[in-house]
């Protein structure tokens, strides 16, 4: 008897976890996207992969285009694309295990516009850093958090996993385990090194975590023995709070600082392959999204400064 789609989806998710060593968040997302696909298949009495064909895949895509989120809003084209990416990966998994089904190559990815790259201008970065009162320990920590994010371009998930033994402040570098369990080296600038040292010198604990909480949890009289390491959500709150204090009106998240890091490098002449390596992108196409921003900036420079002195050089055209 052929395995059901539901059973093979479970096998696929286990493959992602064990053999591909994908992150828990990636597996969670794939489980959600393929769960919706499996649910749709069940509703249409499609139980095994050999029943899949171009017609029912197209009907699933129509259903996706009409799918509403918890706020009764139709899900975005980008989210629809994520579902199709997950489905194609699942079908490739089937093909490698000789499970008869439709070829992944027959399913085209939808054309979606790249998400807008939100980044800070250099003067906004300065305002963000300088607005922090670094007298209290939490101020030193938050300054070190922001400096570290902007200096390295780390993902917030990578930042919260940092441990002190992985930092080499003398060499100004950090060994990071990124997506897909891939290891890379990221580099700290002088400001980030100095603020990390300042923060560590002010701490009296021996916790390995680089960034920890220093206040009691609600209802506690003293710091409990619960893990002190900051969570992803706490880092997001810190960044948003500090940006608001700095008077920055745009929405600022840890990823904004990652975008700012990449944009700053490219605007100052870094080659895109080097930026790709520093960001830990597996595909150059992911990094190329930043060239749209830098190209627009270069156009502004051209329009602002070109032919502003010396007058016209003759008739336009030939």
C-alpha atoms as a PDB file:
ATOM      1  CA  UNK A   1       0.000   0.000   0.000  1.00  0.00           C
ATOM      2  CA  UNK A   2       1.328   3.443  -0.952  1.00  0.00           C
ATOM      3  CA  UNK A   3       2.276   5.846   1.791  1.00  0.00           C
ATOM      4  CA  UNK A   4      -0.112   8.723   2.320  1.00  0.00           C
ATOM      5  CA  UNK A   5       0.841  12.332   1.715  1.00  0.00           C
ATOM      6  CA  UNK A   6       0.506  12.956   5.468  1.00  0.00           C
ATOM      7  CA  UNK A   7       2.974  10.182   6.301  1.00  0.00           C
ATOM      8  CA  UNK A   8       5.493  11.315   3.693  1.00  0.00           C
ATOM      9  CA  UNK A   9       5.253  14.909   4.948  1.00  0.00           C
ATOM     10  CA  UNK A  10       6.232  13.587   8.387  1.00  0.00           C
ATOM     11  CA  UNK A  11       9.161  11.692   6.827  1.00  0.00           C
ATOM     12  CA  UNK A  12      10.202  14.858   4.989  1.00  0.00           C
ATOM     13  CA  UNK A  13      10.167  17.004   8.137  1.00  0.00           C
ATOM     14  CA  UNK A  14      12.264  14.389   9.944  1.00  0.00           C
ATOM     15  CA  UNK A  15      14.672  14.440   6.983  1.00  0.00           C
ATOM     16  CA  UNK A  16      14.998  18.223   7.320  1.00  0.00           C
ATOM     17  CA  UNK A  17      15.738  17.908  11.027  1.00  0.00           C
ATOM     18  CA  UNK A  18      18.107  14.918  11.042  1.00  0.00           C
ATOM     19  CA  UNK A  19      19.811  14.794   7.646  1.00  0.00           C
ATOM     20  CA  UNK A  20      19.647  18.405   6.526  1.00  0.00           C
ATOM     21  CA  UNK A  21      19.971  19.810  10.081  1.00  0.00           C
ATOM     22  CA  UNK A  22      17.648  22.688   9.328  1.00  0.00           C
ATOM     23  CA  UNK A  23      16.729  25.083  12.116  1.00  0.00           C
ATOM     24  CA  UNK A  24      13.647  24.465  14.305  1.00  0.00           C
ATOM     25  CA  UNK A  25      12.072  27.633  12.862  1.00  0.00           C
ATOM     26  CA  UNK A  26      12.520  26.407   9.276  1.00  0.00           C
ATOM     27  CA  UNK A  27      10.979  23.047  10.166  1.00  0.00           C
ATOM     28  CA  UNK A  28       8.100  24.810  11.933  1.00  0.00           C
ATOM     29  CA  UNK A  29       7.406  26.902   8.819  1.00  0.00           C
ATOM     30  CA  UNK A  30       7.587  23.915   6.462  1.00  0.00           C
ATOM     31  CA  UNK A  31       5.254  21.971   8.760  1.00  0.00           C
ATOM     32  CA  UNK A  32       2.719  24.812   8.615  1.00  0.00           C
ATOM     33  CA  UNK A  33       2.889  25.245   4.819  1.00  0.00           C
ATOM     34  CA  UNK A  34       2.745  21.516   4.059  1.00  0.00           C
ATOM     35  CA  UNK A  35       0.104  21.033   6.742  1.00  0.00           C
ATOM     36  CA  UNK A  36      -2.163  23.387   4.802  1.00  0.00           C
ATOM     37  CA  UNK A  37      -1.401  21.495   1.600  1.00  0.00           C
ATOM     38  CA  UNK A  38      -2.166  18.154   3.251  1.00  0.00           C
ATOM     39  CA  UNK A  39      -5.397  19.550   4.686  1.00  0.00           C
ATOM     40  CA  UNK A  40      -6.447  20.768   1.235  1.00  0.00           C
ATOM     41  CA  UNK A  41      -5.621  17.366  -0.259  1.00  0.00           C
ATOM     42  CA  UNK A  42      -7.724  15.605   2.385  1.00  0.00           C
ATOM     43  CA  UNK A  43     -10.674  17.885   1.648  1.00  0.00           C
ATOM     44  CA  UNK A  44     -10.401  16.950  -2.041  1.00  0.00           C
ATOM     45  CA  UNK A  45      -9.921  13.216  -1.354  1.00  0.00           C
ATOM     46  CA  UNK A  46      -6.302  13.200  -2.544  1.00  0.00           C
ATOM     47  CA  UNK A  47      -4.465  10.827  -0.229  1.00  0.00           C
ATOM     48  CA  UNK A  48      -1.333   9.656  -2.068  1.00  0.00           C
ATOM     49  CA  UNK A  49       1.363  11.501  -4.073  1.00  0.00           C
ATOM     50  CA  UNK A  50       0.585   9.616  -7.287  1.00  0.00           C
ATOM     51  CA  UNK A  51      -2.786  11.380  -7.377  1.00  0.00           C
ATOM     52  CA  UNK A  52      -1.137  14.794  -7.679  1.00  0.00           C
ATOM     53  CA  UNK A  53      -1.161  16.426 -11.101  1.00  0.00           C
ATOM     54  CA  UNK A  54      -0.987  19.866 -12.703  1.00  0.00           C
ATOM     55  CA  UNK A  55      -4.736  20.408 -12.424  1.00  0.00           C
ATOM     56  CA  UNK A  56      -5.088  19.815  -8.696  1.00  0.00           C
ATOM     57  CA  UNK A  57      -1.867  21.723  -7.943  1.00  0.00           C
ATOM     58  CA  UNK A  58      -3.349  24.675  -9.832  1.00  0.00           C
ATOM     59  CA  UNK A  59      -6.552  24.388  -7.780  1.00  0.00           C
ATOM     60  CA  UNK A  60      -4.462  24.416  -4.590  1.00  0.00           C
ATOM     61  CA  UNK A  61      -2.755  27.611  -5.781  1.00  0.00           C
ATOM     62  CA  UNK A  62      -6.137  29.229  -6.373  1.00  0.00           C
ATOM     63  CA  UNK A  63      -7.166  28.243  -2.841  1.00  0.00           C
ATOM     64  CA  UNK A  64      -3.931  29.786  -1.527  1.00  0.00           C
ATOM     65  CA  UNK A  65      -4.646  33.039  -3.357  1.00  0.00           C
ATOM     66  CA  UNK A  66      -7.993  33.209  -1.538  1.00  0.00           C
ATOM     67  CA  UNK A  67      -6.695  32.098   1.869  1.00  0.00           C
ATOM     68  CA  UNK A  68      -7.236  34.606   4.669  1.00  0.00           C
ATOM     69  CA  UNK A  69      -5.113  35.044   7.782  1.00  0.00           C
ATOM     70  CA  UNK A  70      -6.359  35.462  11.357  1.00  0.00           C
ATOM     71  CA  UNK A  71      -7.126  39.122  10.613  1.00  0.00           C
ATOM     72  CA  UNK A  72      -9.359  38.180   7.658  1.00  0.00           C
ATOM     73  CA  UNK A  73      -6.756  39.521   5.231  1.00  0.00           C
ATOM     74  CA  UNK A  74      -5.754  37.542   2.140  1.00  0.00           C
ATOM     75  CA  UNK A  75      -2.240  36.169   2.688  1.00  0.00           C
ATOM     76  CA  UNK A  76       0.503  38.022   0.826  1.00  0.00           C
ATOM     77  CA  UNK A  77       2.002  36.848  -2.497  1.00  0.00           C
ATOM     78  CA  UNK A  78       5.266  36.305  -0.615  1.00  0.00           C
ATOM     79  CA  UNK A  79       3.576  33.928   1.846  1.00  0.00           C
ATOM     80  CA  UNK A  80       1.906  32.128  -1.053  1.00  0.00           C
ATOM     81  CA  UNK A  81       5.350  31.719  -2.607  1.00  0.00           C
ATOM     82  CA  UNK A  82       6.688  30.188   0.619  1.00  0.00           C
ATOM     83  CA  UNK A  83       3.970  27.521   0.404  1.00  0.00           C
ATOM     84  CA  UNK A  84       4.994  26.656  -3.158  1.00  0.00           C
ATOM     85  CA  UNK A  85       8.699  26.575  -2.241  1.00  0.00           C
ATOM     86  CA  UNK A  86       7.895  24.108   0.549  1.00  0.00           C
ATOM     87  CA  UNK A  87       5.753  22.017  -1.796  1.00  0.00           C
ATOM     88  CA  UNK A  88       8.503  21.851  -4.434  1.00  0.00           C
ATOM     89  CA  UNK A  89      11.027  20.762  -1.796  1.00  0.00           C
ATOM     90  CA  UNK A  90       8.607  18.061  -0.652  1.00  0.00           C
ATOM     91  CA  UNK A  91       8.159  16.795  -4.226  1.00  0.00           C
ATOM     92  CA  UNK A  92      11.935  16.669  -4.762  1.00  0.00           C
ATOM     93  CA  UNK A  93      12.148  14.600  -1.583  1.00  0.00           C
ATOM     94  CA  UNK A  94       9.562  12.213  -3.059  1.00  0.00           C
ATOM     95  CA  UNK A  95      11.494  11.963  -6.340  1.00  0.00           C
ATOM     96  CA  UNK A  96      14.747  11.081  -4.545  1.00  0.00           C
ATOM     97  CA  UNK A  97      12.938   8.241  -2.789  1.00  0.00           C
ATOM     98  CA  UNK A  98      11.317   6.982  -6.000  1.00  0.00           C
ATOM     99  CA  UNK A  99       7.844   7.936  -4.847  1.00  0.00           C
ATOM    100  CA  UNK A 100       5.668   8.470  -7.907  1.00  0.00           C
ATOM    101  CA  UNK A 101       4.251  11.987  -8.098  1.00  0.00           C
ATOM    102  CA  UNK A 102       4.290  15.164 -10.191  1.00  0.00           C
ATOM    103  CA  UNK A 103       7.738  16.627 -10.907  1.00  0.00           C
ATOM    104  CA  UNK A 104       8.697  19.662  -8.821  1.00  0.00           C
ATOM    105  CA  UNK A 105      10.032  21.305 -12.001  1.00  0.00           C
ATOM    106  CA  UNK A 106       6.510  21.415 -13.423  1.00  0.00           C
ATOM    107  CA  UNK A 107       5.467  23.804 -10.658  1.00  0.00           C
ATOM    108  CA  UNK A 108       6.583  27.351 -11.358  1.00  0.00           C
ATOM    109  CA  UNK A 109       7.304  29.738  -8.538  1.00  0.00           C
ATOM    110  CA  UNK A 110       5.051  32.806  -8.520  1.00  0.00           C
ATOM    111  CA  UNK A 111       6.668  36.077  -9.473  1.00  0.00           C
ATOM    112  CA  UNK A 112       6.821  38.203  -6.358  1.00  0.00           C
ATOM    113  CA  UNK A 113       8.423  41.538  -5.726  1.00  0.00           C
ATOM    114  CA  UNK A 114      11.315  41.538  -3.283  1.00  0.00           C
ATOM    115  CA  UNK A 115      10.389  42.648   0.237  1.00  0.00           C
ATOM    116  CA  UNK A 116      11.376  46.226   0.876  1.00  0.00           C
ATOM    117  CA  UNK A 117      14.790  46.551   2.470  1.00  0.00           C
ATOM    118  CA  UNK A 118      14.367  48.725   5.557  1.00  0.00           C
ATOM    119  CA  UNK A 119      17.647  50.200   6.755  1.00  0.00           C
ATOM    120  CA  UNK A 120      18.987  53.114   8.804  1.00  0.00           C
ATOM    121  CA  UNK A 121      20.908  56.040   7.402  1.00  0.00           C
ATOM    122  CA  UNK A 122      24.350  56.621   8.994  1.00  0.00           C
ATOM    123  CA  UNK A 123      23.113  59.575  11.053  1.00  0.00           C
ATOM    124  CA  UNK A 124      20.199  57.470  12.362  1.00  0.00           C
ATOM    125  CA  UNK A 125      22.651  54.771  13.453  1.00  0.00           C
ATOM    126  CA  UNK A 126      24.638  57.393  15.378  1.00  0.00           C
ATOM    127  CA  UNK A 127      21.451  58.739  16.996  1.00  0.00           C
ATOM    128  CA  UNK A 128      20.414  55.206  17.938  1.00  0.00           C
ATOM    129  CA  UNK A 129      23.700  54.471  19.697  1.00  0.00           C
ATOM    130  CA  UNK A 130      24.141  57.833  21.358  1.00  0.00           C
ATOM    131  CA  UNK A 131      20.627  57.999  22.818  1.00  0.00           C
ATOM    132  CA  UNK A 132      21.339  55.138  25.242  1.00  0.00           C
ATOM    133  CA  UNK A 133      22.151  55.980  28.842  1.00  0.00           C
ATOM    134  CA  UNK A 134      25.052  53.606  29.448  1.00  0.00           C
ATOM    135  CA  UNK A 135      25.408  54.301  33.180  1.00  0.00           C
ATOM    136  CA  UNK A 136      23.219  51.351  34.270  1.00  0.00           C
ATOM    137  CA  UNK A 137      24.267  47.803  33.420  1.00  0.00           C
ATOM    138  CA  UNK A 138      21.240  47.342  31.165  1.00  0.00           C
ATOM    139  CA  UNK A 139      22.326  50.406  29.206  1.00  0.00           C
ATOM    140  CA  UNK A 140      25.804  48.926  28.690  1.00  0.00           C
ATOM    141  CA  UNK A 141      24.203  45.668  27.590  1.00  0.00           C
ATOM    142  CA  UNK A 142      21.806  47.324  25.152  1.00  0.00           C
ATOM    143  CA  UNK A 143      24.582  49.412  23.626  1.00  0.00           C
ATOM    144  CA  UNK A 144      26.656  46.242  23.194  1.00  0.00           C
ATOM    145  CA  UNK A 145      23.660  44.486  21.602  1.00  0.00           C
ATOM    146  CA  UNK A 146      23.166  47.246  19.030  1.00  0.00           C
ATOM    147  CA  UNK A 147      26.868  47.621  18.300  1.00  0.00           C
ATOM    148  CA  UNK A 148      27.194  43.870  17.827  1.00  0.00           C
ATOM    149  CA  UNK A 149      24.213  43.653  15.464  1.00  0.00           C
ATOM    150  CA  UNK A 150      25.396  46.566  13.338  1.00  0.00           C
ATOM    151  CA  UNK A 151      29.039  45.481  13.284  1.00  0.00           C
ATOM    152  CA  UNK A 152      28.399  41.879  12.266  1.00  0.00           C
ATOM    153  CA  UNK A 153      25.057  41.748  10.454  1.00  0.00           C
ATOM    154  CA  UNK A 154      24.038  38.786  12.613  1.00  0.00           C
ATOM    155  CA  UNK A 155      20.517  37.410  12.514  1.00  0.00           C
ATOM    156  CA  UNK A 156      18.770  37.873  15.860  1.00  0.00           C
ATOM    157  CA  UNK A 157      18.528  34.081  16.198  1.00  0.00           C
ATOM    158  CA  UNK A 158      22.320  33.914  15.879  1.00  0.00           C
ATOM    159  CA  UNK A 159      22.868  36.754  18.340  1.00  0.00           C
ATOM    160  CA  UNK A 160      20.843  35.186  21.151  1.00  0.00           C
ATOM    161  CA  UNK A 161      22.784  31.925  20.841  1.00  0.00           C
ATOM    162  CA  UNK A 162      26.183  33.596  21.264  1.00  0.00           C
ATOM    163  CA  UNK A 163      28.348  32.292  24.096  1.00  0.00           C
ATOM    164  CA  UNK A 164      31.371  34.034  25.522  1.00  0.00           C
ATOM    165  CA  UNK A 165      33.819  31.222  24.616  1.00  0.00           C
ATOM    166  CA  UNK A 166      32.894  31.773  20.945  1.00  0.00           C
ATOM    167  CA  UNK A 167      34.011  35.414  21.090  1.00  0.00           C
ATOM    168  CA  UNK A 168      37.610  36.301  20.364  1.00  0.00           C
ATOM    169  CA  UNK A 169      37.791  39.958  21.289  1.00  0.00           C
ATOM    170  CA  UNK A 170      41.540  40.098  20.722  1.00  0.00           C
ATOM    171  CA  UNK A 171      41.039  39.099  17.084  1.00  0.00           C
ATOM    172  CA  UNK A 172      37.711  40.978  16.955  1.00  0.00           C
ATOM    173  CA  UNK A 173      35.808  38.020  15.541  1.00  0.00           C
ATOM    174  CA  UNK A 174      33.023  35.607  16.438  1.00  0.00           C
ATOM    175  CA  UNK A 175      32.430  32.040  15.343  1.00  0.00           C
ATOM    176  CA  UNK A 176      28.743  31.745  14.439  1.00  0.00           C
ATOM    177  CA  UNK A 177      26.563  28.730  13.698  1.00  0.00           C
ATOM    178  CA  UNK A 178      23.986  29.991  11.206  1.00  0.00           C
ATOM    179  CA  UNK A 179      21.196  28.490   9.143  1.00  0.00           C
ATOM    180  CA  UNK A 180      21.673  24.872   8.180  1.00  0.00           C
ATOM    181  CA  UNK A 181      24.221  24.514  11.019  1.00  0.00           C
ATOM    182  CA  UNK A 182      26.767  26.267   8.800  1.00  0.00           C
ATOM    183  CA  UNK A 183      29.698  27.819  10.620  1.00  0.00           C
ATOM    184  CA  UNK A 184      31.098  31.191   9.605  1.00  0.00           C
ATOM    185  CA  UNK A 185      33.297  33.927  11.031  1.00  0.00           C
ATOM    186  CA  UNK A 186      31.924  37.436  11.528  1.00  0.00           C
ATOM    187  CA  UNK A 187      33.959  40.465  12.477  1.00  0.00           C
ATOM    188  CA  UNK A 188      33.605  43.121  15.146  1.00  0.00           C
ATOM    189  CA  UNK A 189      34.605  46.721  14.630  1.00  0.00           C
ATOM    190  CA  UNK A 190      36.472  48.654  17.316  1.00  0.00           C
ATOM    191  CA  UNK A 191      33.325  50.169  18.835  1.00  0.00           C
ATOM    192  CA  UNK A 192      31.634  46.782  19.187  1.00  0.00           C
ATOM    193  CA  UNK A 193      34.738  45.262  20.819  1.00  0.00           C
ATOM    194  CA  UNK A 194      34.998  48.147  23.285  1.00  0.00           C
ATOM    195  CA  UNK A 195      31.340  47.983  24.309  1.00  0.00           C
ATOM    196  CA  UNK A 196      31.393  44.213  24.700  1.00  0.00           C
ATOM    197  CA  UNK A 197      34.442  44.553  26.972  1.00  0.00           C
ATOM    198  CA  UNK A 198      32.746  47.331  28.929  1.00  0.00           C
ATOM    199  CA  UNK A 199      29.624  45.202  29.373  1.00  0.00           C
ATOM    200  CA  UNK A 200      31.541  42.074  30.401  1.00  0.00           C
ATOM    201  CA  UNK A 201      33.675  44.048  32.886  1.00  0.00           C
ATOM    202  CA  UNK A 202      30.520  45.347  34.557  1.00  0.00           C
ATOM    203  CA  UNK A 203      28.968  41.902  34.941  1.00  0.00           C
ATOM    204  CA  UNK A 204      29.456  39.866  38.103  1.00  0.00           C
ATOM    205  CA  UNK A 205      28.036  36.557  36.849  1.00  0.00           C
ATOM    206  CA  UNK A 206      29.807  33.637  35.223  1.00  0.00           C
ATOM    207  CA  UNK A 207      27.039  32.772  32.730  1.00  0.00           C
ATOM    208  CA  UNK A 208      28.362  31.741  29.302  1.00  0.00           C
ATOM    209  CA  UNK A 209      25.624  33.637  27.463  1.00  0.00           C
ATOM    210  CA  UNK A 210      26.832  36.880  25.880  1.00  0.00           C
ATOM    211  CA  UNK A 211      23.600  38.784  26.518  1.00  0.00           C
ATOM    212  CA  UNK A 212      21.540  38.110  29.645  1.00  0.00           C
ATOM    213  CA  UNK A 213      18.735  39.646  31.679  1.00  0.00           C
ATOM    214  CA  UNK A 214      19.667  41.729  34.704  1.00  0.00           C
ATOM    215  CA  UNK A 215      16.230  42.403  36.127  1.00  0.00           C
ATOM    216  CA  UNK A 216      13.925  40.156  38.090  1.00  0.00           C
ATOM    217  CA  UNK A 217      11.076  38.439  36.281  1.00  0.00           C
ATOM    218  CA  UNK A 218       7.535  39.506  37.296  1.00  0.00           C
ATOM    219  CA  UNK A 219       6.707  38.051  40.693  1.00  0.00           C
ATOM    220  CA  UNK A 220      10.332  37.300  41.629  1.00  0.00           C
ATOM    221  CA  UNK A 221      12.099  38.714  44.663  1.00  0.00           C
ATOM    222  CA  UNK A 222      15.525  37.790  43.300  1.00  0.00           C
ATOM    223  CA  UNK A 223      16.898  36.590  40.002  1.00  0.00           C
ATOM    224  CA  UNK A 224      15.763  32.992  39.718  1.00  0.00           C
ATOM    225  CA  UNK A 225      17.789  30.063  38.525  1.00  0.00           C
ATOM    226  CA  UNK A 226      15.922  30.194  35.220  1.00  0.00           C
ATOM    227  CA  UNK A 227      18.154  30.697  32.153  1.00  0.00           C
ATOM    228  CA  UNK A 228      19.482  34.240  32.018  1.00  0.00           C
ATOM    229  CA  UNK A 229      20.079  34.245  28.245  1.00  0.00           C
ATOM    230  CA  UNK A 230      17.954  36.838  26.441  1.00  0.00           C
ATOM    231  CA  UNK A 231      15.299  35.574  24.052  1.00  0.00           C
ATOM    232  CA  UNK A 232      14.771  36.635  20.459  1.00  0.00           C
ATOM    233  CA  UNK A 233      11.644  38.531  21.481  1.00  0.00           C
ATOM    234  CA  UNK A 234      13.506  40.425  24.214  1.00  0.00           C
ATOM    235  CA  UNK A 235      16.205  41.531  21.762  1.00  0.00           C
ATOM    236  CA  UNK A 236      13.480  42.723  19.381  1.00  0.00           C
ATOM    237  CA  UNK A 237      11.904  44.758  22.192  1.00  0.00           C
ATOM    238  CA  UNK A 238      15.274  46.269  23.153  1.00  0.00           C
ATOM    239  CA  UNK A 239      15.978  47.405  19.583  1.00  0.00           C
ATOM    240  CA  UNK A 240      12.487  48.840  19.090  1.00  0.00           C
ATOM    241  CA  UNK A 241      12.572  50.632  22.460  1.00  0.00           C
ATOM    242  CA  UNK A 242      15.989  52.193  21.846  1.00  0.00           C
ATOM    243  CA  UNK A 243      14.957  53.338  18.348  1.00  0.00           C
ATOM    244  CA  UNK A 244      11.865  55.044  19.761  1.00  0.00           C
ATOM    245  CA  UNK A 245      13.985  56.759  22.425  1.00  0.00           C
ATOM    246  CA  UNK A 246      16.296  57.998  19.663  1.00  0.00           C
ATOM    247  CA  UNK A 247      13.356  59.638  17.894  1.00  0.00           C
ATOM    248  CA  UNK A 248      13.540  57.334  14.865  1.00  0.00           C
ATOM    249  CA  UNK A 249      10.047  57.181  13.383  1.00  0.00           C
ATOM    250  CA  UNK A 250      10.489  54.162  11.095  1.00  0.00           C
ATOM    251  CA  UNK A 251       9.979  50.641  12.415  1.00  0.00           C
ATOM    252  CA  UNK A 252      13.341  49.290  13.602  1.00  0.00           C
ATOM    253  CA  UNK A 253      14.075  45.642  14.347  1.00  0.00           C
ATOM    254  CA  UNK A 254      17.251  43.559  14.642  1.00  0.00           C
ATOM    255  CA  UNK A 255      16.842  42.743  10.954  1.00  0.00           C
ATOM    256  CA  UNK A 256      16.859  46.474  10.190  1.00  0.00           C
ATOM    257  CA  UNK A 257      20.391  46.596  11.587  1.00  0.00           C
ATOM    258  CA  UNK A 258      21.326  43.559   9.479  1.00  0.00           C
ATOM    259  CA  UNK A 259      20.000  45.390   6.409  1.00  0.00           C
ATOM    260  CA  UNK A 260      21.889  48.511   7.482  1.00  0.00           C
ATOM    261  CA  UNK A 261      25.118  46.529   7.836  1.00  0.00           C
ATOM    262  CA  UNK A 262      24.822  45.065   4.321  1.00  0.00           C
ATOM    263  CA  UNK A 263      23.784  48.357   2.729  1.00  0.00           C
ATOM    264  CA  UNK A 264      26.655  50.229   4.385  1.00  0.00           C
ATOM    265  CA  UNK A 265      29.198  47.690   3.091  1.00  0.00           C
ATOM    266  CA  UNK A 266      27.896  47.817  -0.489  1.00  0.00           C
ATOM    267  CA  UNK A 267      27.615  51.607  -0.528  1.00  0.00           C
ATOM    268  CA  UNK A 268      31.258  51.821   0.523  1.00  0.00           C
ATOM    269  CA  UNK A 269      32.507  49.543  -2.220  1.00  0.00           C
ATOM    270  CA  UNK A 270      32.351  45.996  -0.819  1.00  0.00           C
ATOM    271  CA  UNK A 271      31.837  43.279  -3.426  1.00  0.00           C
ATOM    272  CA  UNK A 272      28.585  41.364  -3.232  1.00  0.00           C
ATOM    273  CA  UNK A 273      30.227  37.938  -2.802  1.00  0.00           C
ATOM    274  CA  UNK A 274      32.002  39.096   0.348  1.00  0.00           C
ATOM    275  CA  UNK A 275      28.761  40.525   1.720  1.00  0.00           C
ATOM    276  CA  UNK A 276      27.042  37.224   0.927  1.00  0.00           C
ATOM    277  CA  UNK A 277      29.646  35.348   2.994  1.00  0.00           C
ATOM    278  CA  UNK A 278      29.402  37.771   5.908  1.00  0.00           C
ATOM    279  CA  UNK A 279      25.604  37.546   5.993  1.00  0.00           C
ATOM    280  CA  UNK A 280      25.661  33.755   5.725  1.00  0.00           C
ATOM    281  CA  UNK A 281      23.420  33.653   2.651  1.00  0.00           C
ATOM    282  CA  UNK A 282      23.481  30.318   0.832  1.00  0.00           C
ATOM    283  CA  UNK A 283      22.370  31.957  -2.426  1.00  0.00           C
ATOM    284  CA  UNK A 284      23.767  35.100  -4.049  1.00  0.00           C
ATOM    285  CA  UNK A 285      20.231  35.985  -5.202  1.00  0.00           C
ATOM    286  CA  UNK A 286      19.262  36.675  -1.577  1.00  0.00           C
ATOM    287  CA  UNK A 287      22.106  39.163  -1.233  1.00  0.00           C
ATOM    288  CA  UNK A 288      21.341  40.833  -4.563  1.00  0.00           C
ATOM    289  CA  UNK A 289      18.203  42.360  -3.074  1.00  0.00           C
ATOM    290  CA  UNK A 290      20.486  44.980  -1.496  1.00  0.00           C
ATOM    291  CA  UNK A 291      21.764  46.135  -4.889  1.00  0.00           C
ATOM    292  CA  UNK A 292      18.323  47.608  -5.586  1.00  0.00           C
ATOM    293  CA  UNK A 293      18.856  49.928  -2.632  1.00  0.00           C
ATOM    294  CA  UNK A 294      22.459  50.803  -3.452  1.00  0.00           C
ATOM    295  CA  UNK A 295      21.641  51.369  -7.131  1.00  0.00           C
ATOM    296  CA  UNK A 296      18.968  53.873  -6.107  1.00  0.00           C
ATOM    297  CA  UNK A 297      21.464  55.599  -3.819  1.00  0.00           C
ATOM    298  CA  UNK A 298      24.031  55.806  -6.603  1.00  0.00           C
ATOM    299  CA  UNK A 299      21.397  57.316  -8.900  1.00  0.00           C
ATOM    300  CA  UNK A 300      20.714  59.990  -6.278  1.00  0.00           C
ATOM    301  CA  UNK A 301      24.438  60.767  -6.099  1.00  0.00           C
ATOM    302  CA  UNK A 302      24.655  60.938  -9.906  1.00  0.00           C
ATOM    303  CA  UNK A 303      21.678  63.269 -10.187  1.00  0.00           C
ATOM    304  CA  UNK A 304      22.912  65.460  -7.336  1.00  0.00           C
ATOM    305  CA  UNK A 305      26.513  65.929  -8.418  1.00  0.00           C
ATOM    306  CA  UNK A 306      26.856  65.180 -12.150  1.00  0.00           C
ATOM    307  CA  UNK A 307      27.326  68.227 -14.435  1.00  0.00           C
ATOM    308  CA  UNK A 308      26.848  70.695 -11.598  1.00  0.00           C
ATOM    309  CA  UNK A 309      29.966  72.613 -12.605  1.00  0.00           C
ATOM    310  CA  UNK A 310      31.393  73.543 -15.965  1.00  0.00           C
ATOM    311  CA  UNK A 311      28.096  73.953 -17.789  1.00  0.00           C
ATOM    312  CA  UNK A 312      26.754  72.058 -20.756  1.00  0.00           C
ATOM    313  CA  UNK A 313      29.238  70.363 -23.076  1.00  0.00           C
ATOM    314  CA  UNK A 314      27.286  70.929 -26.240  1.00  0.00           C
ATOM    315  CA  UNK A 315      24.078  69.769 -27.846  1.00  0.00           C
ATOM    316  CA  UNK A 316      22.406  66.697 -26.420  1.00  0.00           C
ATOM    317  CA  UNK A 317      22.494  63.683 -28.685  1.00  0.00           C
ATOM    318  CA  UNK A 318      24.560  63.279 -31.811  1.00  0.00           C
END
